[in-house]
Amino acid sequence: FAREFMKVATDWDLIREPEPIVVGRHLFFPDFETRLRANPQKSWLIELVGFWSPEYLRKKIETLQTAKLANFILCVDRKNICGRLDQWEATGAHVIEFTKRVDPVKVLSYMQTRSF
């Protein structure tokens, strides 16, 4: 994902394993952070979720809501779906489905068309 994303997102920096986010008494470790070079304040945190259960994803989204992270994208593998994704989107989570690999063009397009 990182290599492909950097090829299409030439105006963005991609940081692997960015600084952890403090959520209550816990730390949350996103997989990536993207920052727009022209405006580093515009950034997105990205988490790639391969296998998941509804309970795992529910806890993940609760953590994100507790942290009040509006700039967070969950990329969820459609192949391993154990529940309905629309129920998670209804919580305000930014969810992008993928099959086998995350499409960097889809992620970039999502980031460019959403504001937070």
PDB file of N, CA and C in Angstrom:
ATOM      1  N   PHE A   1       0.823  -1.189   0.000  1.00  0.00           N
ATOM      2  CA  PHE A   1       0.000   0.000   0.000  1.00  0.00           C
ATOM      3  C   PHE A   1       0.869   1.256   0.000  1.00  0.00           C
ATOM      4  N   ALA A   2       1.863   1.300   0.852  1.00  0.00           N
ATOM      5  CA  ALA A   2       2.688   2.507   0.985  1.00  0.00           C
ATOM      6  C   ALA A   2       3.372   2.857  -0.335  1.00  0.00           C
ATOM      7  N   ARG A   3       3.959   1.898  -0.955  1.00  0.00           N
ATOM      8  CA  ARG A   3       4.672   2.132  -2.222  1.00  0.00           C
ATOM      9  C   ARG A   3       3.709   2.631  -3.305  1.00  0.00           C
ATOM     10  N   GLU A   4       2.573   1.983  -3.429  1.00  0.00           N
ATOM     11  CA  GLU A   4       1.584   2.376  -4.439  1.00  0.00           C
ATOM     12  C   GLU A   4       0.964   3.733  -4.120  1.00  0.00           C
ATOM     13  N   PHE A   5       0.728   4.005  -2.842  1.00  0.00           N
ATOM     14  CA  PHE A   5       0.136   5.279  -2.454  1.00  0.00           C
ATOM     15  C   PHE A   5       1.066   6.432  -2.824  1.00  0.00           C
ATOM     16  N   MET A   6       2.348   6.291  -2.563  1.00  0.00           N
ATOM     17  CA  MET A   6       3.293   7.366  -2.847  1.00  0.00           C
ATOM     18  C   MET A   6       3.419   7.650  -4.345  1.00  0.00           C
ATOM     19  N   LYS A   7       3.130   6.668  -5.175  1.00  0.00           N
ATOM     20  CA  LYS A   7       3.161   6.879  -6.628  1.00  0.00           C
ATOM     21  C   LYS A   7       2.009   7.758  -7.097  1.00  0.00           C
ATOM     22  N   VAL A   8       0.851   7.636  -6.470  1.00  0.00           N
ATOM     23  CA  VAL A   8      -0.327   8.389  -6.914  1.00  0.00           C
ATOM     24  C   VAL A   8      -0.578   9.652  -6.093  1.00  0.00           C
ATOM     25  N   ALA A   9      -0.074   9.697  -4.880  1.00  0.00           N
ATOM     26  CA  ALA A   9      -0.326  10.824  -3.977  1.00  0.00           C
ATOM     27  C   ALA A   9       0.922  11.698  -3.883  1.00  0.00           C
ATOM     28  N   THR A  10       1.293  12.301  -4.991  1.00  0.00           N
ATOM     29  CA  THR A  10       2.558  13.033  -5.063  1.00  0.00           C
ATOM     30  C   THR A  10       2.562  14.315  -4.227  1.00  0.00           C
ATOM     31  N   ASP A  11       1.407  14.795  -3.813  1.00  0.00           N
ATOM     32  CA  ASP A  11       1.332  15.998  -2.981  1.00  0.00           C
ATOM     33  C   ASP A  11       1.256  15.678  -1.485  1.00  0.00           C
ATOM     34  N   TRP A  12       1.308  14.408  -1.167  1.00  0.00           N
ATOM     35  CA  TRP A  12       1.152  13.966   0.222  1.00  0.00           C
ATOM     36  C   TRP A  12       2.404  13.244   0.713  1.00  0.00           C
ATOM     37  N   ASP A  13       2.686  13.365   2.008  1.00  0.00           N
ATOM     38  CA  ASP A  13       3.707  12.549   2.664  1.00  0.00           C
ATOM     39  C   ASP A  13       2.988  11.412   3.369  1.00  0.00           C
ATOM     40  N   LEU A  14       3.629  10.271   3.412  1.00  0.00           N
ATOM     41  CA  LEU A  14       3.062   9.104   4.096  1.00  0.00           C
ATOM     42  C   LEU A  14       4.033   8.688   5.184  1.00  0.00           C
ATOM     43  N   ILE A  15       3.551   8.661   6.412  1.00  0.00           N
ATOM     44  CA  ILE A  15       4.373   8.274   7.557  1.00  0.00           C
ATOM     45  C   ILE A  15       3.902   6.923   8.041  1.00  0.00           C
ATOM     46  N   ARG A  16       4.809   5.959   8.052  1.00  0.00           N
ATOM     47  CA  ARG A  16       4.495   4.630   8.588  1.00  0.00           C
ATOM     48  C   ARG A  16       4.588   4.661  10.100  1.00  0.00           C
ATOM     49  N   GLU A  17       3.656   4.010  10.744  1.00  0.00           N
ATOM     50  CA  GLU A  17       3.633   3.904  12.198  1.00  0.00           C
ATOM     51  C   GLU A  17       3.894   5.257  12.858  1.00  0.00           C
ATOM     52  N   PRO A  18       2.963   6.212  12.670  1.00  0.00           N
ATOM     53  CA  PRO A  18       3.132   7.540  13.269  1.00  0.00           C
ATOM     54  C   PRO A  18       3.059   7.476  14.794  1.00  0.00           C
ATOM     55  N   GLU A  19       3.227   8.616  15.404  1.00  0.00           N
ATOM     56  CA  GLU A  19       3.154   8.700  16.864  1.00  0.00           C
ATOM     57  C   GLU A  19       1.831   8.120  17.355  1.00  0.00           C
ATOM     58  N   PRO A  20       1.870   7.435  18.494  1.00  0.00           N
ATOM     59  CA  PRO A  20       0.618   6.885  19.031  1.00  0.00           C
ATOM     60  C   PRO A  20      -0.324   8.002  19.462  1.00  0.00           C
ATOM     61  N   ILE A  21      -1.603   7.685  19.464  1.00  0.00           N
ATOM     62  CA  ILE A  21      -2.653   8.610  19.878  1.00  0.00           C
ATOM     63  C   ILE A  21      -3.088   8.198  21.281  1.00  0.00           C
ATOM     64  N   VAL A  22      -3.127   9.156  22.197  1.00  0.00           N
ATOM     65  CA  VAL A  22      -3.582   8.883  23.556  1.00  0.00           C
ATOM     66  C   VAL A  22      -5.107   8.891  23.559  1.00  0.00           C
ATOM     67  N   VAL A  23      -5.685   7.787  24.025  1.00  0.00           N
ATOM     68  CA  VAL A  23      -7.141   7.653  24.121  1.00  0.00           C
ATOM     69  C   VAL A  23      -7.443   7.199  25.547  1.00  0.00           C
ATOM     70  N   GLY A  24      -7.830   8.150  26.360  1.00  0.00           N
ATOM     71  CA  GLY A  24      -8.057   7.815  27.768  1.00  0.00           C
ATOM     72  C   GLY A  24      -6.754   7.355  28.403  1.00  0.00           C
ATOM     73  N   ARG A  25      -6.765   6.149  28.948  1.00  0.00           N
ATOM     74  CA  ARG A  25      -5.562   5.592  29.567  1.00  0.00           C
ATOM     75  C   ARG A  25      -4.809   4.656  28.624  1.00  0.00           C
ATOM     76  N   HIS A  26      -5.191   4.657  27.366  1.00  0.00           N
ATOM     77  CA  HIS A  26      -4.610   3.730  26.403  1.00  0.00           C
ATOM     78  C   HIS A  26      -3.913   4.488  25.273  1.00  0.00           C
ATOM     79  N   LEU A  27      -3.100   3.758  24.529  1.00  0.00           N
ATOM     80  CA  LEU A  27      -2.472   4.294  23.323  1.00  0.00           C
ATOM     81  C   LEU A  27      -3.041   3.567  22.121  1.00  0.00           C
ATOM     82  N   PHE A  28      -3.243   4.313  21.054  1.00  0.00           N
ATOM     83  CA  PHE A  28      -3.740   3.746  19.805  1.00  0.00           C
ATOM     84  C   PHE A  28      -2.672   3.978  18.746  1.00  0.00           C
ATOM     85  N   PHE A  29      -2.304   2.942  18.015  1.00  0.00           N
ATOM     86  CA  PHE A  29      -1.228   3.006  17.039  1.00  0.00           C
ATOM     87  C   PHE A  29      -1.766   2.848  15.618  1.00  0.00           C
ATOM     88  N   PRO A  30      -2.023   3.957  14.907  1.00  0.00           N
ATOM     89  CA  PRO A  30      -2.483   3.828  13.518  1.00  0.00           C
ATOM     90  C   PRO A  30      -1.360   3.288  12.637  1.00  0.00           C
ATOM     91  N   ASP A  31      -1.732   2.685  11.515  1.00  0.00           N
ATOM     92  CA  ASP A  31      -0.733   2.142  10.592  1.00  0.00           C
ATOM     93  C   ASP A  31       0.003   3.243   9.841  1.00  0.00           C
ATOM     94  N   PHE A  32      -0.736   4.273   9.416  1.00  0.00           N
ATOM     95  CA  PHE A  32      -0.155   5.339   8.597  1.00  0.00           C
ATOM     96  C   PHE A  32      -0.753   6.688   8.974  1.00  0.00           C
ATOM     97  N   GLU A  33      -0.003   7.724   8.647  1.00  0.00           N
ATOM     98  CA  GLU A  33      -0.523   9.089   8.656  1.00  0.00           C
ATOM     99  C   GLU A  33      -0.125   9.722   7.335  1.00  0.00           C
ATOM    100  N   THR A  34      -1.049  10.442   6.736  1.00  0.00           N
ATOM    101  CA  THR A  34      -0.749  11.188   5.518  1.00  0.00           C
ATOM    102  C   THR A  34      -0.829  12.668   5.852  1.00  0.00           C
ATOM    103  N   ARG A  35       0.046  13.460   5.236  1.00  0.00           N
ATOM    104  CA  ARG A  35       0.021  14.915   5.430  1.00  0.00           C
ATOM    105  C   ARG A  35       0.162  15.592   4.077  1.00  0.00           C
ATOM    106  N   LEU A  36      -0.707  16.526   3.830  1.00  0.00           N
ATOM    107  CA  LEU A  36      -0.636  17.308   2.606  1.00  0.00           C
ATOM    108  C   LEU A  36       0.564  18.247   2.723  1.00  0.00           C
ATOM    109  N   ARG A  37       1.494  18.158   1.782  1.00  0.00           N
ATOM    110  CA  ARG A  37       2.721  18.958   1.873  1.00  0.00           C
ATOM    111  C   ARG A  37       2.444  20.455   1.915  1.00  0.00           C
ATOM    112  N   ALA A  38       1.492  20.918   1.114  1.00  0.00           N
ATOM    113  CA  ALA A  38       1.176  22.349   1.058  1.00  0.00           C
ATOM    114  C   ALA A  38       0.477  22.831   2.328  1.00  0.00           C
ATOM    115  N   ASN A  39      -0.126  21.915   3.075  1.00  0.00           N
ATOM    116  CA  ASN A  39      -0.842  22.259   4.302  1.00  0.00           C
ATOM    117  C   ASN A  39      -0.752  21.073   5.265  1.00  0.00           C
ATOM    118  N   PRO A  40       0.360  20.955   6.003  1.00  0.00           N
ATOM    119  CA  PRO A  40       0.559  19.794   6.887  1.00  0.00           C
ATOM    120  C   PRO A  40      -0.513  19.621   7.957  1.00  0.00           C
ATOM    121  N   GLN A  41      -1.313  20.677   8.192  1.00  0.00           N
ATOM    122  CA  GLN A  41      -2.416  20.542   9.148  1.00  0.00           C
ATOM    123  C   GLN A  41      -3.498  19.610   8.613  1.00  0.00           C
ATOM    124  N   LYS A  42      -3.540  19.470   7.284  1.00  0.00           N
ATOM    125  CA  LYS A  42      -4.502  18.558   6.671  1.00  0.00           C
ATOM    126  C   LYS A  42      -3.851  17.176   6.634  1.00  0.00           C
ATOM    127  N   SER A  43      -4.318  16.317   7.482  1.00  0.00           N
ATOM    128  CA  SER A  43      -3.738  14.982   7.574  1.00  0.00           C
ATOM    129  C   SER A  43      -4.836  13.955   7.825  1.00  0.00           C
ATOM    130  N   TRP A  44      -4.514  12.731   7.486  1.00  0.00           N
ATOM    131  CA  TRP A  44      -5.418  11.605   7.716  1.00  0.00           C
ATOM    132  C   TRP A  44      -4.634  10.488   8.386  1.00  0.00           C
ATOM    133  N   LEU A  45      -5.263   9.811   9.301  1.00  0.00           N
ATOM    134  CA  LEU A  45      -4.718   8.591   9.886  1.00  0.00           C
ATOM    135  C   LEU A  45      -5.400   7.430   9.184  1.00  0.00           C
ATOM    136  N   ILE A  46      -4.625   6.393   8.872  1.00  0.00           N
ATOM    137  CA  ILE A  46      -5.165   5.252   8.129  1.00  0.00           C
ATOM    138  C   ILE A  46      -4.845   3.964   8.876  1.00  0.00           C
ATOM    139  N   GLU A  47      -5.854   3.138   9.017  1.00  0.00           N
ATOM    140  CA  GLU A  47      -5.702   1.824   9.635  1.00  0.00           C
ATOM    141  C   GLU A  47      -6.158   0.773   8.632  1.00  0.00           C
ATOM    142  N   LEU A  48      -5.307  -0.206   8.367  1.00  0.00           N
ATOM    143  CA  LEU A  48      -5.659  -1.317   7.481  1.00  0.00           C
ATOM    144  C   LEU A  48      -6.142  -2.470   8.358  1.00  0.00           C
ATOM    145  N   VAL A  49      -7.359  -2.922   8.095  1.00  0.00           N
ATOM    146  CA  VAL A  49      -7.956  -3.983   8.905  1.00  0.00           C
ATOM    147  C   VAL A  49      -8.200  -5.178   7.998  1.00  0.00           C
ATOM    148  N   GLY A  50      -7.397  -6.223   8.178  1.00  0.00           N
ATOM    149  CA  GLY A  50      -7.552  -7.435   7.378  1.00  0.00           C
ATOM    150  C   GLY A  50      -8.690  -8.269   7.922  1.00  0.00           C
ATOM    151  N   PHE A  51      -8.402  -9.198   8.826  1.00  0.00           N
ATOM    152  CA  PHE A  51      -9.451 -10.021   9.413  1.00  0.00           C
ATOM    153  C   PHE A  51     -10.050  -9.277  10.592  1.00  0.00           C
ATOM    154  N   TRP A  52     -11.370  -9.300  10.689  1.00  0.00           N
ATOM    155  CA  TRP A  52     -12.023  -8.639  11.809  1.00  0.00           C
ATOM    156  C   TRP A  52     -13.338  -9.314  12.123  1.00  0.00           C
ATOM    157  N   SER A  53     -13.783  -9.094  13.331  1.00  0.00           N
ATOM    158  CA  SER A  53     -15.110  -9.530  13.746  1.00  0.00           C
ATOM    159  C   SER A  53     -15.913  -8.261  14.045  1.00  0.00           C
ATOM    160  N   PRO A  54     -17.218  -8.359  14.091  1.00  0.00           N
ATOM    161  CA  PRO A  54     -18.010  -7.173  14.434  1.00  0.00           C
ATOM    162  C   PRO A  54     -17.586  -6.565  15.777  1.00  0.00           C
ATOM    163  N   GLU A  55     -17.266  -7.403  16.746  1.00  0.00           N
ATOM    164  CA  GLU A  55     -16.850  -6.915  18.068  1.00  0.00           C
ATOM    165  C   GLU A  55     -15.522  -6.152  17.982  1.00  0.00           C
ATOM    166  N   TYR A  56     -14.570  -6.690  17.236  1.00  0.00           N
ATOM    167  CA  TYR A  56     -13.272  -6.024  17.065  1.00  0.00           C
ATOM    168  C   TYR A  56     -13.460  -4.652  16.419  1.00  0.00           C
ATOM    169  N   LEU A  57     -14.236  -4.599  15.355  1.00  0.00           N
ATOM    170  CA  LEU A  57     -14.447  -3.346  14.650  1.00  0.00           C
ATOM    171  C   LEU A  57     -15.246  -2.364  15.510  1.00  0.00           C
ATOM    172  N   ARG A  58     -16.208  -2.859  16.261  1.00  0.00           N
ATOM    173  CA  ARG A  58     -16.982  -1.996  17.159  1.00  0.00           C
ATOM    174  C   ARG A  58     -16.059  -1.331  18.175  1.00  0.00           C
ATOM    175  N   LYS A  59     -15.155  -2.113  18.775  1.00  0.00           N
ATOM    176  CA  LYS A  59     -14.216  -1.562  19.762  1.00  0.00           C
ATOM    177  C   LYS A  59     -13.267  -0.559  19.109  1.00  0.00           C
ATOM    178  N   LYS A  60     -12.824  -0.856  17.917  1.00  0.00           N
ATOM    179  CA  LYS A  60     -11.932   0.047  17.190  1.00  0.00           C
ATOM    180  C   LYS A  60     -12.632   1.384  16.955  1.00  0.00           C
ATOM    181  N   ILE A  61     -13.885   1.340  16.504  1.00  0.00           N
ATOM    182  CA  ILE A  61     -14.619   2.563  16.219  1.00  0.00           C
ATOM    183  C   ILE A  61     -14.947   3.316  17.509  1.00  0.00           C
ATOM    184  N   GLU A  62     -15.255   2.602  18.575  1.00  0.00           N
ATOM    185  CA  GLU A  62     -15.480   3.267  19.864  1.00  0.00           C
ATOM    186  C   GLU A  62     -14.217   4.008  20.304  1.00  0.00           C
ATOM    187  N   THR A  63     -13.068   3.387  20.105  1.00  0.00           N
ATOM    188  CA  THR A  63     -11.799   4.036  20.435  1.00  0.00           C
ATOM    189  C   THR A  63     -11.633   5.314  19.627  1.00  0.00           C
ATOM    190  N   LEU A  64     -11.914   5.238  18.332  1.00  0.00           N
ATOM    191  CA  LEU A  64     -11.793   6.412  17.474  1.00  0.00           C
ATOM    192  C   LEU A  64     -12.765   7.508  17.898  1.00  0.00           C
ATOM    193  N   GLN A  65     -13.983   7.131  18.265  1.00  0.00           N
ATOM    194  CA  GLN A  65     -14.967   8.118  18.702  1.00  0.00           C
ATOM    195  C   GLN A  65     -14.541   8.758  20.023  1.00  0.00           C
ATOM    196  N   THR A  66     -14.001   7.957  20.932  1.00  0.00           N
ATOM    197  CA  THR A  66     -13.506   8.484  22.201  1.00  0.00           C
ATOM    198  C   THR A  66     -12.375   9.480  21.956  1.00  0.00           C
ATOM    199  N   ALA A  67     -11.530   9.165  20.992  1.00  0.00           N
ATOM    200  CA  ALA A  67     -10.405  10.045  20.662  1.00  0.00           C
ATOM    201  C   ALA A  67     -10.855  11.254  19.845  1.00  0.00           C
ATOM    202  N   LYS A  68     -12.112  11.246  19.379  1.00  0.00           N
ATOM    203  CA  LYS A  68     -12.663  12.332  18.554  1.00  0.00           C
ATOM    204  C   LYS A  68     -11.797  12.582  17.313  1.00  0.00           C
ATOM    205  N   LEU A  69     -11.451  11.491  16.642  1.00  0.00           N
ATOM    206  CA  LEU A  69     -10.636  11.558  15.434  1.00  0.00           C
ATOM    207  C   LEU A  69     -11.535  11.571  14.202  1.00  0.00           C
ATOM    208  N   ALA A  70     -11.769  12.730  13.661  1.00  0.00           N
ATOM    209  CA  ALA A  70     -12.598  12.843  12.463  1.00  0.00           C
ATOM    210  C   ALA A  70     -11.806  12.546  11.205  1.00  0.00           C
ATOM    211  N   ASN A  71     -10.486  12.526  11.318  1.00  0.00           N
ATOM    212  CA  ASN A  71      -9.614  12.354  10.148  1.00  0.00           C
ATOM    213  C   ASN A  71      -9.044  10.943  10.087  1.00  0.00           C
ATOM    214  N   PHE A  72      -9.852   9.966  10.399  1.00  0.00           N
ATOM    215  CA  PHE A  72      -9.376   8.587  10.455  1.00  0.00           C
ATOM    216  C   PHE A  72     -10.107   7.735   9.429  1.00  0.00           C
ATOM    217  N   ILE A  73      -9.340   6.978   8.653  1.00  0.00           N
ATOM    218  CA  ILE A  73      -9.910   6.088   7.647  1.00  0.00           C
ATOM    219  C   ILE A  73      -9.620   4.645   8.035  1.00  0.00           C
ATOM    220  N   LEU A  74     -10.652   3.829   8.062  1.00  0.00           N
ATOM    221  CA  LEU A  74     -10.499   2.390   8.250  1.00  0.00           C
ATOM    222  C   LEU A  74     -10.629   1.721   6.890  1.00  0.00           C
ATOM    223  N   CYS A  75      -9.597   1.032   6.472  1.00  0.00           N
ATOM    224  CA  CYS A  75      -9.637   0.253   5.234  1.00  0.00           C
ATOM    225  C   CYS A  75      -9.892  -1.194   5.649  1.00  0.00           C
ATOM    226  N   VAL A  76     -11.071  -1.700   5.293  1.00  0.00           N
ATOM    227  CA  VAL A  76     -11.539  -2.990   5.798  1.00  0.00           C
ATOM    228  C   VAL A  76     -11.625  -3.998   4.668  1.00  0.00           C
ATOM    229  N   ASP A  77     -10.998  -5.161   4.870  1.00  0.00           N
ATOM    230  CA  ASP A  77     -10.999  -6.230   3.873  1.00  0.00           C
ATOM    231  C   ASP A  77     -12.392  -6.835   3.750  1.00  0.00           C
ATOM    232  N   ARG A  78     -12.978  -6.670   2.579  1.00  0.00           N
ATOM    233  CA  ARG A  78     -14.331  -7.162   2.306  1.00  0.00           C
ATOM    234  C   ARG A  78     -14.398  -8.687   2.386  1.00  0.00           C
ATOM    235  N   LYS A  79     -13.318  -9.361   2.046  1.00  0.00           N
ATOM    236  CA  LYS A  79     -13.276 -10.828   2.043  1.00  0.00           C
ATOM    237  C   LYS A  79     -13.552 -11.412   3.430  1.00  0.00           C
ATOM    238  N   ASN A  80     -13.142 -10.709   4.453  1.00  0.00           N
ATOM    239  CA  ASN A  80     -13.258 -11.235   5.813  1.00  0.00           C
ATOM    240  C   ASN A  80     -14.371 -10.584   6.615  1.00  0.00           C
ATOM    241  N   ILE A  81     -15.347 -10.038   5.936  1.00  0.00           N
ATOM    242  CA  ILE A  81     -16.429  -9.352   6.634  1.00  0.00           C
ATOM    243  C   ILE A  81     -17.215 -10.333   7.498  1.00  0.00           C
ATOM    244  N   CYS A  82     -17.378  -9.938   8.750  1.00  0.00           N
ATOM    245  CA  CYS A  82     -18.155 -10.736   9.698  1.00  0.00           C
ATOM    246  C   CYS A  82     -19.397  -9.990  10.148  1.00  0.00           C
ATOM    247  N   GLY A  83     -19.752  -8.959   9.437  1.00  0.00           N
ATOM    248  CA  GLY A  83     -20.914  -8.147   9.782  1.00  0.00           C
ATOM    249  C   GLY A  83     -21.176  -7.176   8.645  1.00  0.00           C
ATOM    250  N   ARG A  84     -22.042  -6.211   8.867  1.00  0.00           N
ATOM    251  CA  ARG A  84     -22.376  -5.234   7.834  1.00  0.00           C
ATOM    252  C   ARG A  84     -21.550  -3.973   8.028  1.00  0.00           C
ATOM    253  N   LEU A  85     -20.887  -3.514   6.968  1.00  0.00           N
ATOM    254  CA  LEU A  85     -20.081  -2.299   7.069  1.00  0.00           C
ATOM    255  C   LEU A  85     -20.935  -1.052   7.229  1.00  0.00           C
ATOM    256  N   ASP A  86     -22.144  -1.045   6.674  1.00  0.00           N
ATOM    257  CA  ASP A  86     -22.954   0.164   6.766  1.00  0.00           C
ATOM    258  C   ASP A  86     -23.280   0.522   8.213  1.00  0.00           C
ATOM    259  N   GLN A  87     -23.304  -0.466   9.107  1.00  0.00           N
ATOM    260  CA  GLN A  87     -23.562  -0.163  10.513  1.00  0.00           C
ATOM    261  C   GLN A  87     -22.413   0.634  11.115  1.00  0.00           C
ATOM    262  N   TRP A  88     -21.203   0.441  10.606  1.00  0.00           N
ATOM    263  CA  TRP A  88     -20.046   1.179  11.124  1.00  0.00           C
ATOM    264  C   TRP A  88     -20.003   2.581  10.532  1.00  0.00           C
ATOM    265  N   GLU A  89     -20.373   2.703   9.278  1.00  0.00           N
ATOM    266  CA  GLU A  89     -20.393   4.020   8.650  1.00  0.00           C
ATOM    267  C   GLU A  89     -21.416   4.924   9.329  1.00  0.00           C
ATOM    268  N   ALA A  90     -22.485   4.336   9.822  1.00  0.00           N
ATOM    269  CA  ALA A  90     -23.512   5.118  10.504  1.00  0.00           C
ATOM    270  C   ALA A  90     -22.980   5.770  11.778  1.00  0.00           C
ATOM    271  N   THR A  91     -21.880   5.271  12.320  1.00  0.00           N
ATOM    272  CA  THR A  91     -21.295   5.842  13.533  1.00  0.00           C
ATOM    273  C   THR A  91     -20.449   7.067  13.224  1.00  0.00           C
ATOM    274  N   GLY A  92     -20.234   7.348  11.941  1.00  0.00           N
ATOM    275  CA  GLY A  92     -19.387   8.472  11.558  1.00  0.00           C
ATOM    276  C   GLY A  92     -17.986   8.044  11.157  1.00  0.00           C
ATOM    277  N   ALA A  93     -17.708   6.765  11.242  1.00  0.00           N
ATOM    278  CA  ALA A  93     -16.393   6.273  10.846  1.00  0.00           C
ATOM    279  C   ALA A  93     -16.236   6.366   9.334  1.00  0.00           C
ATOM    280  N   HIS A  94     -15.042   6.683   8.894  1.00  0.00           N
ATOM    281  CA  HIS A  94     -14.726   6.698   7.462  1.00  0.00           C
ATOM    282  C   HIS A  94     -14.236   5.296   7.108  1.00  0.00           C
ATOM    283  N   VAL A  95     -15.017   4.574   6.324  1.00  0.00           N
ATOM    284  CA  VAL A  95     -14.707   3.181   6.004  1.00  0.00           C
ATOM    285  C   VAL A  95     -14.542   3.027   4.498  1.00  0.00           C
ATOM    286  N   ILE A  96     -13.434   2.412   4.107  1.00  0.00           N
ATOM    287  CA  ILE A  96     -13.191   2.071   2.709  1.00  0.00           C
ATOM    288  C   ILE A  96     -13.011   0.562   2.642  1.00  0.00           C
ATOM    289  N   GLU A  97     -13.809  -0.078   1.820  1.00  0.00           N
ATOM    290  CA  GLU A  97     -13.689  -1.527   1.647  1.00  0.00           C
ATOM    291  C   GLU A  97     -12.606  -1.836   0.622  1.00  0.00           C
ATOM    292  N   PHE A  98     -11.969  -2.996   0.786  1.00  0.00           N
ATOM    293  CA  PHE A  98     -11.029  -3.454  -0.227  1.00  0.00           C
ATOM    294  C   PHE A  98     -11.099  -4.964  -0.334  1.00  0.00           C
ATOM    295  N   THR A  99     -10.604  -5.473  -1.451  1.00  0.00           N
ATOM    296  CA  THR A  99     -10.497  -6.912  -1.666  1.00  0.00           C
ATOM    297  C   THR A  99      -9.059  -7.202  -2.073  1.00  0.00           C
ATOM    298  N   LYS A 100      -8.374  -7.985  -1.277  1.00  0.00           N
ATOM    299  CA  LYS A 100      -6.981  -8.395  -1.483  1.00  0.00           C
ATOM    300  C   LYS A 100      -5.971  -7.278  -1.246  1.00  0.00           C
ATOM    301  N   ARG A 101      -6.205  -6.089  -1.806  1.00  0.00           N
ATOM    302  CA  ARG A 101      -5.271  -4.987  -1.585  1.00  0.00           C
ATOM    303  C   ARG A 101      -6.046  -3.674  -1.522  1.00  0.00           C
ATOM    304  N   VAL A 102      -5.497  -2.746  -0.764  1.00  0.00           N
ATOM    305  CA  VAL A 102      -6.123  -1.427  -0.642  1.00  0.00           C
ATOM    306  C   VAL A 102      -5.775  -0.626  -1.884  1.00  0.00           C
ATOM    307  N   ASP A 103      -6.783  -0.054  -2.525  1.00  0.00           N
ATOM    308  CA  ASP A 103      -6.584   0.754  -3.719  1.00  0.00           C
ATOM    309  C   ASP A 103      -6.154   2.158  -3.301  1.00  0.00           C
ATOM    310  N   PRO A 104      -4.892   2.547  -3.555  1.00  0.00           N
ATOM    311  CA  PRO A 104      -4.419   3.860  -3.125  1.00  0.00           C
ATOM    312  C   PRO A 104      -5.159   5.013  -3.817  1.00  0.00           C
ATOM    313  N   VAL A 105      -5.622   4.804  -5.045  1.00  0.00           N
ATOM    314  CA  VAL A 105      -6.376   5.845  -5.750  1.00  0.00           C
ATOM    315  C   VAL A 105      -7.697   6.102  -5.028  1.00  0.00           C
ATOM    316  N   LYS A 106      -8.331   5.052  -4.567  1.00  0.00           N
ATOM    317  CA  LYS A 106      -9.590   5.184  -3.841  1.00  0.00           C
ATOM    318  C   LYS A 106      -9.374   5.921  -2.509  1.00  0.00           C
ATOM    319  N   VAL A 107      -8.302   5.598  -1.818  1.00  0.00           N
ATOM    320  CA  VAL A 107      -7.992   6.259  -0.547  1.00  0.00           C
ATOM    321  C   VAL A 107      -7.696   7.741  -0.794  1.00  0.00           C
ATOM    322  N   LEU A 108      -6.877   8.037  -1.788  1.00  0.00           N
ATOM    323  CA  LEU A 108      -6.540   9.418  -2.118  1.00  0.00           C
ATOM    324  C   LEU A 108      -7.787  10.212  -2.495  1.00  0.00           C
ATOM    325  N   SER A 109      -8.626   9.637  -3.324  1.00  0.00           N
ATOM    326  CA  SER A 109      -9.861  10.305  -3.733  1.00  0.00           C
ATOM    327  C   SER A 109     -10.736  10.587  -2.522  1.00  0.00           C
ATOM    328  N   TYR A 110     -10.826   9.629  -1.637  1.00  0.00           N
ATOM    329  CA  TYR A 110     -11.625   9.792  -0.414  1.00  0.00           C
ATOM    330  C   TYR A 110     -11.081  10.952   0.402  1.00  0.00           C
ATOM    331  N   MET A 111      -9.768  11.012   0.598  1.00  0.00           N
ATOM    332  CA  MET A 111      -9.145  12.069   1.385  1.00  0.00           C
ATOM    333  C   MET A 111      -9.382  13.442   0.759  1.00  0.00           C
ATOM    334  N   GLN A 112      -9.329  13.512  -0.545  1.00  0.00           N
ATOM    335  CA  GLN A 112      -9.462  14.799  -1.231  1.00  0.00           C
ATOM    336  C   GLN A 112     -10.893  15.320  -1.284  1.00  0.00           C
ATOM    337  N   THR A 113     -11.869  14.418  -1.158  1.00  0.00           N
ATOM    338  CA  THR A 113     -13.263  14.851  -1.266  1.00  0.00           C
ATOM    339  C   THR A 113     -13.945  15.018   0.094  1.00  0.00           C
ATOM    340  N   ARG A 114     -13.250  14.721   1.161  1.00  0.00           N
ATOM    341  CA  ARG A 114     -13.832  14.844   2.506  1.00  0.00           C
ATOM    342  C   ARG A 114     -13.104  15.951   3.266  1.00  0.00           C
ATOM    343  N   SER A 115     -13.848  16.645   4.069  1.00  0.00           N
ATOM    344  CA  SER A 115     -13.229  17.614   4.958  1.00  0.00           C
ATOM    345  C   SER A 115     -13.591  17.237   6.388  1.00  0.00           C
ATOM    346  N   PHE A 116     -12.805  17.692   7.300  1.00  0.00           N
ATOM    347  CA  PHE A 116     -13.060  17.388   8.721  1.00  0.00           C
ATOM    348  C   PHE A 116     -12.751  18.605   9.564  1.00  0.00           C
TER     349      PHE A 116
END
